[in-house]
PDB file of N, CA and C in Angstrom:
ATOM      1  N   MET A   1      40.450-115.336 164.364  1.00  0.00           N
ATOM      2  CA  MET A   1      40.524-116.418 165.340  1.00  0.00           C
ATOM      3  C   MET A   1      41.317-117.583 164.750  1.00  0.00           C
ATOM      4  N   THR A   2      42.037-118.259 165.619  1.00  0.00           N
ATOM      5  CA  THR A   2      42.758-119.458 165.202  1.00  0.00           C
ATOM      6  C   THR A   2      41.773-120.627 165.105  1.00  0.00           C
ATOM      7  N   ASP A   3      42.230-121.732 164.517  1.00  0.00           N
ATOM      8  CA  ASP A   3      41.376-122.928 164.446  1.00  0.00           C
ATOM      9  C   ASP A   3      40.981-123.398 165.846  1.00  0.00           C
ATOM     10  N   ALA A   4      41.930-123.357 166.775  1.00  0.00           N
ATOM     11  CA  ALA A   4      41.638-123.791 168.148  1.00  0.00           C
ATOM     12  C   ALA A   4      40.611-122.863 168.798  1.00  0.00           C
ATOM     13  N   GLU A   5      40.745-121.570 168.587  1.00  0.00           N
ATOM     14  CA  GLU A   5      39.773-120.622 169.153  1.00  0.00           C
ATOM     15  C   GLU A   5      38.387-120.832 168.560  1.00  0.00           C
ATOM     16  N   ARG A   6      38.326-121.092 167.264  1.00  0.00           N
ATOM     17  CA  ARG A   6      37.024-121.370 166.631  1.00  0.00           C
ATOM     18  C   ARG A   6      36.379-122.614 167.240  1.00  0.00           C
ATOM     19  N   LYS A   7      37.198-123.622 167.485  1.00  0.00           N
ATOM     20  CA  LYS A   7      36.679-124.866 168.067  1.00  0.00           C
ATOM     21  C   LYS A   7      36.157-124.626 169.489  1.00  0.00           C
ATOM     22  N   VAL A   8      36.879-123.859 170.274  1.00  0.00           N
ATOM     23  CA  VAL A   8      36.429-123.547 171.636  1.00  0.00           C
ATOM     24  C   VAL A   8      35.170-122.688 171.592  1.00  0.00           C
ATOM     25  N   TRP A   9      35.108-121.728 170.685  1.00  0.00           N
ATOM     26  CA  TRP A   9      33.924-120.876 170.571  1.00  0.00           C
ATOM     27  C   TRP A   9      32.694-121.724 170.246  1.00  0.00           C
ATOM     28  N   ALA A  10      32.832-122.657 169.331  1.00  0.00           N
ATOM     29  CA  ALA A  10      31.710-123.549 168.998  1.00  0.00           C
ATOM     30  C   ALA A  10      31.310-124.377 170.220  1.00  0.00           C
ATOM     31  N   LEU A  11      32.294-124.854 170.967  1.00  0.00           N
ATOM     32  CA  LEU A  11      32.022-125.624 172.185  1.00  0.00           C
ATOM     33  C   LEU A  11      31.266-124.783 173.211  1.00  0.00           C
ATOM     34  N   LEU A  12      31.730-123.580 173.447  1.00  0.00           N
ATOM     35  CA  LEU A  12      31.090-122.712 174.439  1.00  0.00           C
ATOM     36  C   LEU A  12      29.649-122.401 174.061  1.00  0.00           C
ATOM     37  N   ARG A  13      29.406-122.165 172.783  1.00  0.00           N
ATOM     38  CA  ARG A  13      28.060-121.820 172.322  1.00  0.00           C
ATOM     39  C   ARG A  13      27.115-123.014 172.387  1.00  0.00           C
ATOM     40  N   SER A  14      27.644-124.221 172.143  1.00  0.00           N
ATOM     41  CA  SER A  14      26.759-125.389 172.103  1.00  0.00           C
ATOM     42  C   SER A  14      26.617-126.080 173.459  1.00  0.00           C
ATOM     43  N   ALA A  15      27.709-126.203 174.208  1.00  0.00           N
ATOM     44  CA  ALA A  15      27.677-126.985 175.448  1.00  0.00           C
ATOM     45  C   ALA A  15      27.449-126.148 176.709  1.00  0.00           C
ATOM     46  N   PHE A  16      27.761-124.858 176.644  1.00  0.00           N
ATOM     47  CA  PHE A  16      27.679-124.026 177.850  1.00  0.00           C
ATOM     48  C   PHE A  16      26.986-122.686 177.592  1.00  0.00           C
ATOM     49  N   PRO A  17      25.873-122.670 176.879  1.00  0.00           N
ATOM     50  CA  PRO A  17      25.256-121.373 176.525  1.00  0.00           C
ATOM     51  C   PRO A  17      24.771-120.580 177.735  1.00  0.00           C
ATOM     52  N   GLU A  18      24.391-121.262 178.803  1.00  0.00           N
ATOM     53  CA  GLU A  18      23.858-120.561 179.979  1.00  0.00           C
ATOM     54  C   GLU A  18      24.898-119.689 180.676  1.00  0.00           C
ATOM     55  N   TRP A  19      26.176-119.919 180.387  1.00  0.00           N
ATOM     56  CA  TRP A  19      27.242-119.123 181.002  1.00  0.00           C
ATOM     57  C   TRP A  19      27.571-117.879 180.189  1.00  0.00           C
ATOM     58  N   ARG A  20      27.023-117.767 179.009  1.00  0.00           N
ATOM     59  CA  ARG A  20      27.147-116.568 178.156  1.00  0.00           C
ATOM     60  C   ARG A  20      28.587-116.088 177.988  1.00  0.00           C
ATOM     61  N   PHE A  21      29.411-116.956 177.443  1.00  0.00           N
ATOM     62  CA  PHE A  21      30.789-116.565 177.163  1.00  0.00           C
ATOM     63  C   PHE A  21      30.820-115.532 176.047  1.00  0.00           C
ATOM     64  N   ARG A  22      31.790-114.636 176.113  1.00  0.00           N
ATOM     65  CA  ARG A  22      32.025-113.606 175.110  1.00  0.00           C
ATOM     66  C   ARG A  22      33.442-113.767 174.584  1.00  0.00           C
ATOM     67  N   ARG A  23      33.645-113.307 173.345  1.00  0.00           N
ATOM     68  CA  ARG A  23      34.974-113.353 172.734  1.00  0.00           C
ATOM     69  C   ARG A  23      35.665-112.007 172.888  1.00  0.00           C
ATOM     70  N   GLN A  24      36.977-112.045 172.915  1.00  0.00           N
ATOM     71  CA  GLN A  24      37.805-110.843 172.890  1.00  0.00           C
ATOM     72  C   GLN A  24      37.356-109.809 173.921  1.00  0.00           C
ATOM     73  N   VAL A  25      37.454-110.187 175.177  1.00  0.00           N
ATOM     74  CA  VAL A  25      36.976-109.349 176.279  1.00  0.00           C
ATOM     75  C   VAL A  25      38.147-108.549 176.864  1.00  0.00           C
ATOM     76  N   PRO A  26      38.031-107.212 176.890  1.00  0.00           N
ATOM     77  CA  PRO A  26      39.135-106.395 177.415  1.00  0.00           C
ATOM     78  C   PRO A  26      39.235-106.431 178.939  1.00  0.00           C
ATOM     79  N   PHE A  27      40.472-106.533 179.411  1.00  0.00           N
ATOM     80  CA  PHE A  27      40.821-106.393 180.823  1.00  0.00           C
ATOM     81  C   PHE A  27      42.019-105.448 180.854  1.00  0.00           C
ATOM     82  N   HIS A  28      41.761-104.197 181.129  1.00  0.00           N
ATOM     83  CA  HIS A  28      42.790-103.158 181.097  1.00  0.00           C
ATOM     84  C   HIS A  28      43.469-103.181 179.729  1.00  0.00           C
ATOM     85  N   GLN A  29      44.789-103.364 179.682  1.00  0.00           N
ATOM     86  CA  GLN A  29      45.481-103.331 178.391  1.00  0.00           C
ATOM     87  C   GLN A  29      45.501-104.694 177.694  1.00  0.00           C
ATOM     88  N   TYR A  30      44.884-105.698 178.283  1.00  0.00           N
ATOM     89  CA  TYR A  30      44.881-107.045 177.720  1.00  0.00           C
ATOM     90  C   TYR A  30      43.510-107.395 177.157  1.00  0.00           C
ATOM     91  N   ILE A  31      43.518-108.319 176.207  1.00  0.00           N
ATOM     92  CA  ILE A  31      42.278-108.847 175.636  1.00  0.00           C
ATOM     93  C   ILE A  31      42.254-110.344 175.916  1.00  0.00           C
ATOM     94  N   ALA A  32      41.260-110.788 176.664  1.00  0.00           N
ATOM     95  CA  ALA A  32      41.099-112.220 176.948  1.00  0.00           C
ATOM     96  C   ALA A  32      40.416-112.881 175.762  1.00  0.00           C
ATOM     97  N   ASP A  33      40.812-114.112 175.459  1.00  0.00           N
ATOM     98  CA  ASP A  33      40.195-114.832 174.343  1.00  0.00           C
ATOM     99  C   ASP A  33      38.697-115.002 174.568  1.00  0.00           C
ATOM    100  N   PHE A  34      38.321-115.505 175.748  1.00  0.00           N
ATOM    101  CA  PHE A  34      36.908-115.735 176.078  1.00  0.00           C
ATOM    102  C   PHE A  34      36.704-115.435 177.556  1.00  0.00           C
ATOM    103  N   ALA A  35      35.520-114.932 177.895  1.00  0.00           N
ATOM    104  CA  ALA A  35      35.203-114.687 179.301  1.00  0.00           C
ATOM    105  C   ALA A  35      33.717-114.865 179.537  1.00  0.00           C
ATOM    106  N   SER A  36      33.408-115.391 180.699  1.00  0.00           N
ATOM    107  CA  SER A  36      32.034-115.458 181.184  1.00  0.00           C
ATOM    108  C   SER A  36      31.970-114.598 182.436  1.00  0.00           C
ATOM    109  N   HIS A  37      31.223-113.501 182.350  1.00  0.00           N
ATOM    110  CA  HIS A  37      31.074-112.638 183.519  1.00  0.00           C
ATOM    111  C   HIS A  37      30.253-113.348 184.596  1.00  0.00           C
ATOM    112  N   ARG A  38      29.311-114.190 184.170  1.00  0.00           N
ATOM    113  CA  ARG A  38      28.496-114.941 185.136  1.00  0.00           C
ATOM    114  C   ARG A  38      29.348-115.891 185.961  1.00  0.00           C
ATOM    115  N   ALA A  39      30.288-116.564 185.308  1.00  0.00           N
ATOM    116  CA  ALA A  39      31.148-117.533 185.998  1.00  0.00           C
ATOM    117  C   ALA A  39      32.409-116.889 186.564  1.00  0.00           C
ATOM    118  N   ARG A  40      32.646-115.617 186.200  1.00  0.00           N
ATOM    119  CA  ARG A  40      33.888-114.934 186.589  1.00  0.00           C
ATOM    120  C   ARG A  40      35.080-115.801 186.166  1.00  0.00           C
ATOM    121  N   LEU A  41      35.033-116.216 184.886  1.00  0.00           N
ATOM    122  CA  LEU A  41      36.022-117.137 184.338  1.00  0.00           C
ATOM    123  C   LEU A  41      36.511-116.631 182.992  1.00  0.00           C
ATOM    124  N   VAL A  42      37.826-116.667 182.808  1.00  0.00           N
ATOM    125  CA  VAL A  42      38.466-116.307 181.546  1.00  0.00           C
ATOM    126  C   VAL A  42      39.128-117.549 180.984  1.00  0.00           C
ATOM    127  N   LEU A  43      38.938-117.776 179.692  1.00  0.00           N
ATOM    128  CA  LEU A  43      39.616-118.863 178.990  1.00  0.00           C
ATOM    129  C   LEU A  43      40.641-118.261 178.047  1.00  0.00           C
ATOM    130  N   GLU A  44      41.855-118.774 178.101  1.00  0.00           N
ATOM    131  CA  GLU A  44      42.906-118.370 177.189  1.00  0.00           C
ATOM    132  C   GLU A  44      43.338-119.594 176.396  1.00  0.00           C
ATOM    133  N   ILE A  45      43.399-119.449 175.088  1.00  0.00           N
ATOM    134  CA  ILE A  45      43.831-120.517 174.200  1.00  0.00           C
ATOM    135  C   ILE A  45      45.213-120.115 173.708  1.00  0.00           C
ATOM    136  N   ASP A  46      46.224-120.845 174.152  1.00  0.00           N
ATOM    137  CA  ASP A  46      47.602-120.429 173.959  1.00  0.00           C
ATOM    138  C   ASP A  46      48.315-121.215 172.877  1.00  0.00           C
ATOM    139  N   GLY A  47      49.101-120.491 172.105  1.00  0.00           N
ATOM    140  CA  GLY A  47      49.987-121.089 171.120  1.00  0.00           C
ATOM    141  C   GLY A  47      51.398-121.133 171.677  1.00  0.00           C
ATOM    142  N   GLY A  48      52.349-121.436 170.820  1.00  0.00           N
ATOM    143  CA  GLY A  48      53.736-121.588 171.238  1.00  0.00           C
ATOM    144  C   GLY A  48      54.382-120.328 171.772  1.00  0.00           C
ATOM    145  N   GLN A  49      53.838-119.147 171.450  1.00  0.00           N
ATOM    146  CA  GLN A  49      54.437-117.892 171.894  1.00  0.00           C
ATOM    147  C   GLN A  49      54.151-117.586 173.361  1.00  0.00           C
ATOM    148  N   HIS A  50      53.282-118.348 173.972  1.00  0.00           N
ATOM    149  CA  HIS A  50      52.902-118.085 175.364  1.00  0.00           C
ATOM    150  C   HIS A  50      53.744-118.921 176.314  1.00  0.00           C
ATOM    151  N   GLY A  51      53.864-118.433 177.504  1.00  0.00           N
ATOM    152  CA  GLY A  51      54.567-119.146 178.558  1.00  0.00           C
ATOM    153  C   GLY A  51      54.134-118.599 179.894  1.00  0.00           C
ATOM    154  N   GLU A  52      54.351-119.377 180.933  1.00  0.00           N
ATOM    155  CA  GLU A  52      53.888-118.976 182.263  1.00  0.00           C
ATOM    156  C   GLU A  52      54.473-117.637 182.686  1.00  0.00           C
ATOM    157  N   ALA A  53      55.771-117.443 182.453  1.00  0.00           N
ATOM    158  CA  ALA A  53      56.416-116.196 182.877  1.00  0.00           C
ATOM    159  C   ALA A  53      55.898-115.002 182.086  1.00  0.00           C
ATOM    160  N   SER A  54      55.749-115.156 180.777  1.00  0.00           N
ATOM    161  CA  SER A  54      55.295-114.026 179.963  1.00  0.00           C
ATOM    162  C   SER A  54      53.818-113.717 180.169  1.00  0.00           C
ATOM    163  N   ASP A  55      53.040-114.704 180.572  1.00  0.00           N
ATOM    164  CA  ASP A  55      51.605-114.492 180.795  1.00  0.00           C
ATOM    165  C   ASP A  55      51.278-114.082 182.228  1.00  0.00           C
ATOM    166  N   ALA A  56      52.259-114.094 183.124  1.00  0.00           N
ATOM    167  CA  ALA A  56      52.005-113.803 184.541  1.00  0.00           C
ATOM    168  C   ALA A  56      51.390-112.424 184.775  1.00  0.00           C
ATOM    169  N   PRO A  57      51.898-111.345 184.143  1.00  0.00           N
ATOM    170  CA  PRO A  57      51.276-110.032 184.391  1.00  0.00           C
ATOM    171  C   PRO A  57      49.821-109.978 183.920  1.00  0.00           C
ATOM    172  N   ARG A  58      49.554-110.583 182.786  1.00  0.00           N
ATOM    173  CA  ARG A  58      48.191-110.634 182.229  1.00  0.00           C
ATOM    174  C   ARG A  58      47.266-111.388 183.191  1.00  0.00           C
ATOM    175  N   THR A  59      47.716-112.544 183.647  1.00  0.00           N
ATOM    176  CA  THR A  59      46.924-113.353 184.577  1.00  0.00           C
ATOM    177  C   THR A  59      46.680-112.587 185.873  1.00  0.00           C
ATOM    178  N   ALA A  60      47.693-111.892 186.374  1.00  0.00           N
ATOM    179  CA  ALA A  60      47.557-111.142 187.627  1.00  0.00           C
ATOM    180  C   ALA A  60      46.491-110.060 187.513  1.00  0.00           C
ATOM    181  N   ILE A  61      46.453-109.350 186.405  1.00  0.00           N
ATOM    182  CA  ILE A  61      45.450-108.290 186.225  1.00  0.00           C
ATOM    183  C   ILE A  61      44.054-108.887 186.144  1.00  0.00           C
ATOM    184  N   ILE A  62      43.915-109.963 185.401  1.00  0.00           N
ATOM    185  CA  ILE A  62      42.594-110.595 185.265  1.00  0.00           C
ATOM    186  C   ILE A  62      42.126-111.122 186.622  1.00  0.00           C
ATOM    187  N   GLU A  63      43.017-111.791 187.346  1.00  0.00           N
ATOM    188  CA  GLU A  63      42.652-112.322 188.661  1.00  0.00           C
ATOM    189  C   GLU A  63      42.362-111.203 189.664  1.00  0.00           C
ATOM    190  N   ALA A  64      43.057-110.075 189.541  1.00  0.00           N
ATOM    191  CA  ALA A  64      42.799-108.933 190.425  1.00  0.00           C
ATOM    192  C   ALA A  64      41.392-108.375 190.217  1.00  0.00           C
ATOM    193  N   ASN A  65      40.810-108.664 189.063  1.00  0.00           N
ATOM    194  CA  ASN A  65      39.439-108.250 188.772  1.00  0.00           C
ATOM    195  C   ASN A  65      38.423-109.307 189.199  1.00  0.00           C
ATOM    196  N   GLY A  66      38.883-110.340 189.912  1.00  0.00           N
ATOM    197  CA  GLY A  66      37.976-111.342 190.460  1.00  0.00           C
ATOM    198  C   GLY A  66      37.645-112.499 189.534  1.00  0.00           C
ATOM    199  N   TYR A  67      38.458-112.701 188.503  1.00  0.00           N
ATOM    200  CA  TYR A  67      38.221-113.776 187.544  1.00  0.00           C
ATOM    201  C   TYR A  67      39.260-114.868 187.719  1.00  0.00           C
ATOM    202  N   ARG A  68      38.859-116.084 187.461  1.00  0.00           N
ATOM    203  CA  ARG A  68      39.795-117.207 187.398  1.00  0.00           C
ATOM    204  C   ARG A  68      40.227-117.346 185.942  1.00  0.00           C
ATOM    205  N   VAL A  69      41.486-117.683 185.721  1.00  0.00           N
ATOM    206  CA  VAL A  69      42.009-117.866 184.369  1.00  0.00           C
ATOM    207  C   VAL A  69      42.261-119.349 184.145  1.00  0.00           C
ATOM    208  N   LEU A  70      41.715-119.861 183.061  1.00  0.00           N
ATOM    209  CA  LEU A  70      41.894-121.255 182.673  1.00  0.00           C
ATOM    210  C   LEU A  70      42.553-121.255 181.299  1.00  0.00           C
ATOM    211  N   ARG A  71      43.698-121.931 181.185  1.00  0.00           N
ATOM    212  CA  ARG A  71      44.459-121.930 179.930  1.00  0.00           C
ATOM    213  C   ARG A  71      44.476-123.317 179.296  1.00  0.00           C
ATOM    214  N   PHE A  72      44.361-123.308 177.975  1.00  0.00           N
ATOM    215  CA  PHE A  72      44.489-124.528 177.183  1.00  0.00           C
ATOM    216  C   PHE A  72      45.459-124.247 176.046  1.00  0.00           C
ATOM    217  N   TRP A  73      46.279-125.237 175.716  1.00  0.00           N
ATOM    218  CA  TRP A  73      47.159-125.122 174.560  1.00  0.00           C
ATOM    219  C   TRP A  73      46.351-125.383 173.292  1.00  0.00           C
ATOM    220  N   ASN A  74      46.738-124.723 172.204  1.00  0.00           N
ATOM    221  CA  ASN A  74      46.087-124.950 170.906  1.00  0.00           C
ATOM    222  C   ASN A  74      46.025-126.437 170.587  1.00  0.00           C
ATOM    223  N   ASN A  75      47.158-127.119 170.737  1.00  0.00           N
ATOM    224  CA  ASN A  75      47.236-128.534 170.404  1.00  0.00           C
ATOM    225  C   ASN A  75      46.265-129.364 171.241  1.00  0.00           C
ATOM    226  N   GLU A  76      46.117-129.018 172.506  1.00  0.00           N
ATOM    227  CA  GLU A  76      45.189-129.722 173.390  1.00  0.00           C
ATOM    228  C   GLU A  76      43.753-129.580 172.887  1.00  0.00           C
ATOM    229  N   VAL A  77      43.391-128.373 172.472  1.00  0.00           N
ATOM    230  CA  VAL A  77      42.042-128.129 171.953  1.00  0.00           C
ATOM    231  C   VAL A  77      41.811-128.929 170.677  1.00  0.00           C
ATOM    232  N   LEU A  78      42.795-128.935 169.792  1.00  0.00           N
ATOM    233  CA  LEU A  78      42.635-129.580 168.489  1.00  0.00           C
ATOM    234  C   LEU A  78      42.668-131.102 168.562  1.00  0.00           C
ATOM    235  N   THR A  79      43.346-131.659 169.572  1.00  0.00           N
ATOM    236  CA  THR A  79      43.483-133.117 169.620  1.00  0.00           C
ATOM    237  C   THR A  79      42.719-133.783 170.762  1.00  0.00           C
ATOM    238  N   ASN A  80      42.234-132.993 171.729  1.00  0.00           N
ATOM    239  CA  ASN A  80      41.569-133.585 172.892  1.00  0.00           C
ATOM    240  C   ASN A  80      40.423-132.690 173.371  1.00  0.00           C
ATOM    241  N   ILE A  81      39.490-132.406 172.494  1.00  0.00           N
ATOM    242  CA  ILE A  81      38.386-131.515 172.858  1.00  0.00           C
ATOM    243  C   ILE A  81      37.537-132.109 173.978  1.00  0.00           C
ATOM    244  N   GLU A  82      37.483-133.440 174.072  1.00  0.00           N
ATOM    245  CA  GLU A  82      36.725-134.070 175.158  1.00  0.00           C
ATOM    246  C   GLU A  82      37.354-133.738 176.510  1.00  0.00           C
ATOM    247  N   GLY A  83      38.681-133.770 176.573  1.00  0.00           N
ATOM    248  CA  GLY A  83      39.373-133.418 177.806  1.00  0.00           C
ATOM    249  C   GLY A  83      39.170-131.956 178.175  1.00  0.00           C
ATOM    250  N   VAL A  84      39.220-131.087 177.168  1.00  0.00           N
ATOM    251  CA  VAL A  84      38.971-129.659 177.386  1.00  0.00           C
ATOM    252  C   VAL A  84      37.554-129.457 177.913  1.00  0.00           C
ATOM    253  N   THR A  85      36.600-130.142 177.291  1.00  0.00           N
ATOM    254  CA  THR A  85      35.199-130.029 177.710  1.00  0.00           C
ATOM    255  C   THR A  85      35.031-130.486 179.154  1.00  0.00           C
ATOM    256  N   GLY A  86      35.641-131.606 179.507  1.00  0.00           N
ATOM    257  CA  GLY A  86      35.531-132.125 180.868  1.00  0.00           C
ATOM    258  C   GLY A  86      36.138-131.198 181.899  1.00  0.00           C
ATOM    259  N   ARG A  87      37.301-130.661 181.589  1.00  0.00           N
ATOM    260  CA  ARG A  87      37.955-129.748 182.536  1.00  0.00           C
ATOM    261  C   ARG A  87      37.140-128.469 182.705  1.00  0.00           C
ATOM    262  N   LEU A  88      36.636-127.943 181.602  1.00  0.00           N
ATOM    263  CA  LEU A  88      35.820-126.733 181.658  1.00  0.00           C
ATOM    264  C   LEU A  88      34.530-126.982 182.437  1.00  0.00           C
ATOM    265  N   ALA A  89      33.892-128.115 182.190  1.00  0.00           N
ATOM    266  CA  ALA A  89      32.657-128.453 182.910  1.00  0.00           C
ATOM    267  C   ALA A  89      32.923-128.562 184.412  1.00  0.00           C
ATOM    268  N   ALA A  90      34.049-129.167 184.782  1.00  0.00           N
ATOM    269  CA  ALA A  90      34.384-129.303 186.203  1.00  0.00           C
ATOM    270  C   ALA A  90      34.584-127.939 186.857  1.00  0.00           C
ATOM    271  N   VAL A  91      35.267-127.043 186.172  1.00  0.00           N
ATOM    272  CA  VAL A  91      35.494-125.703 186.724  1.00  0.00           C
ATOM    273  C   VAL A  91      34.174-124.945 186.832  1.00  0.00           C
ATOM    274  N   LEU A  92      33.335-125.042 185.816  1.00  0.00           N
ATOM    275  CA  LEU A  92      32.045-124.348 185.862  1.00  0.00           C
ATOM    276  C   LEU A  92      31.156-124.903 186.971  1.00  0.00           C
ATOM    277  N   ASN A  93      31.249-126.203 187.229  1.00  0.00           N
ATOM    278  CA  ASN A  93      30.464-126.799 188.316  1.00  0.00           C
ATOM    279  C   ASN A  93      30.896-126.277 189.683  1.00  0.00           C
ATOM    280  N   GLU A  94      32.159-125.849 189.803  1.00  0.00           N
ATOM    281  CA  GLU A  94      32.654-125.264 191.051  1.00  0.00           C
ATOM    282  C   GLU A  94      32.102-123.856 191.261  1.00  0.00           C
ATOM    283  N   ARG A  95      31.787-123.186 190.167  1.00  0.00           N
ATOM    284  CA  ARG A  95      31.285-121.816 190.240  1.00  0.00           C
ATOM    285  C   ARG A  95      29.825-121.865 190.672  1.00  0.00           C
ATOM    286  N   SER A  96      29.307-120.774 191.142  1.00  0.00           N
ATOM    287  CA  SER A  96      27.888-120.771 191.477  1.00  0.00           C
ATOM    288  C   SER A  96      27.092-120.978 190.200  1.00  0.00           C
ATOM    289  N   PRO A  97      25.947-121.630 190.288  1.00  0.00           N
ATOM    290  CA  PRO A  97      25.173-121.893 189.081  1.00  0.00           C
ATOM    291  C   PRO A  97      24.747-120.593 188.421  1.00  0.00           C
ATOM    292  N   PRO A  98      24.575-120.635 187.109  1.00  0.00           N
ATOM    293  CA  PRO A  98      24.161-119.407 186.429  1.00  0.00           C
ATOM    294  C   PRO A  98      22.804-118.957 186.955  1.00  0.00           C
ATOM    295  N   PRO A  99      22.618-117.654 187.059  1.00  0.00           N
ATOM    296  CA  PRO A  99      21.337-117.173 187.570  1.00  0.00           C
ATOM    297  C   PRO A  99      20.203-117.515 186.631  1.00  0.00           C
ATOM    298  N   ASN A 100      19.016-117.631 187.209  1.00  0.00           N
ATOM    299  CA  ASN A 100      17.832-117.857 186.384  1.00  0.00           C
ATOM    300  C   ASN A 100      17.565-116.607 185.569  1.00  0.00           C
ATOM    301  N   PRO A 101      16.995-116.773 184.389  1.00  0.00           N
ATOM    302  CA  PRO A 101      16.668-115.576 183.614  1.00  0.00           C
ATOM    303  C   PRO A 101      15.635-114.740 184.364  1.00  0.00           C
ATOM    304  N   PRO A 102      15.673-113.427 184.168  1.00  0.00           N
ATOM    305  CA  PRO A 102      14.687-112.589 184.857  1.00  0.00           C
ATOM    306  C   PRO A 102      13.282-112.906 184.375  1.00  0.00           C
ATOM    307  N   PRO A 103      12.281-112.675 185.221  1.00  0.00           N
ATOM    308  CA  PRO A 103      10.907-112.938 184.780  1.00  0.00           C
ATOM    309  C   PRO A 103      10.556-112.038 183.610  1.00  0.00           C
ATOM    310  N   SER A 104       9.658-112.520 182.782  1.00  0.00           N
ATOM    311  CA  SER A 104       9.260-111.719 181.622  1.00  0.00           C
ATOM    312  C   SER A 104       8.574-110.455 182.105  1.00  0.00           C
ATOM    313  N   ARG A 105       8.676-109.434 181.297  1.00  0.00           N
ATOM    314  CA  ARG A 105       8.104-108.146 181.665  1.00  0.00           C
ATOM    315  C   ARG A 105       6.728-107.934 181.044  1.00  0.00           C
ATOM    316  N   GLY A 106       6.154-108.981 180.484  1.00  0.00           N
ATOM    317  CA  GLY A 106       4.830-108.863 179.873  1.00  0.00           C
ATOM    318  C   GLY A 106       3.770-108.608 180.922  1.00  0.00           C
ATOM    319  N   ARG A 107       2.661-108.072 180.485  1.00  0.00           N
ATOM    320  CA  ARG A 107       1.562-107.806 181.417  1.00  0.00           C
ATOM    321  C   ARG A 107       0.923-109.108 181.849  1.00  0.00           C
ATOM    322  N   ALA A 108       0.542-109.153 183.080  1.00  0.00           N
ATOM    323  CA  ALA A 108      -0.160-110.333 183.589  1.00  0.00           C
ATOM    324  C   ALA A 108      -1.521-110.407 182.925  1.00  0.00           C
ATOM    325  N   SER A 109      -1.964-111.617 182.701  1.00  0.00           N
ATOM    326  CA  SER A 109      -3.278-111.749 182.069  1.00  0.00           C
ATOM    327  C   SER A 109      -4.346-111.273 183.039  1.00  0.00           C
ATOM    328  N   GLN A 110      -5.306-110.601 182.501  1.00  0.00           N
ATOM    329  CA  GLN A 110      -6.377-110.065 183.333  1.00  0.00           C
ATOM    330  C   GLN A 110      -7.648-110.825 183.032  1.00  0.00           C
ATOM    331  N   THR A 111      -8.361-111.149 184.067  1.00  0.00           N
ATOM    332  CA  THR A 111      -9.649-111.813 183.864  1.00  0.00           C
ATOM    333  C   THR A 111     -10.738-110.798 184.143  1.00  0.00           C
ATOM    334  N   SER A 112     -11.729-110.837 183.328  1.00  0.00           N
ATOM    335  CA  SER A 112     -12.825-109.885 183.548  1.00  0.00           C
ATOM    336  C   SER A 112     -13.839-110.517 184.485  1.00  0.00           C
ATOM    337  N   THR A 113     -14.393-109.713 185.341  1.00  0.00           N
ATOM    338  CA  THR A 113     -15.428-110.192 186.254  1.00  0.00           C
ATOM    339  C   THR A 113     -16.759-109.621 185.798  1.00  0.00           C
ATOM    340  N   PRO A 114     -17.790-110.437 185.812  1.00  0.00           N
ATOM    341  CA  PRO A 114     -19.094-109.941 185.333  1.00  0.00           C
ATOM    342  C   PRO A 114     -19.725-108.934 186.256  1.00  0.00           C
TER     343      PRO A 114
END
């Protein structure tokens, strides 16, 4: 992972744990940097080798699977993590809220009757 990816991973784990982001998520022949299946959201952290035209096929495949793609430049992550956090929070707020955890599967307490 790059320094920017490590910083985003720490952010996702600390600020947005309920969305359960995963690293290095496969989408056909592509690997997304981060994805939340609950939010149907993919995060890509891009360096200088990326560009809109070269990333278009990758984005199209991910979006065809029902996910939104959100991109941040490495430099943006490293110098403006507050802005990244705000933009990510705004996008997540647009998504349906994360589901409640399933009820525990433990046995219900039983009371004895005399």
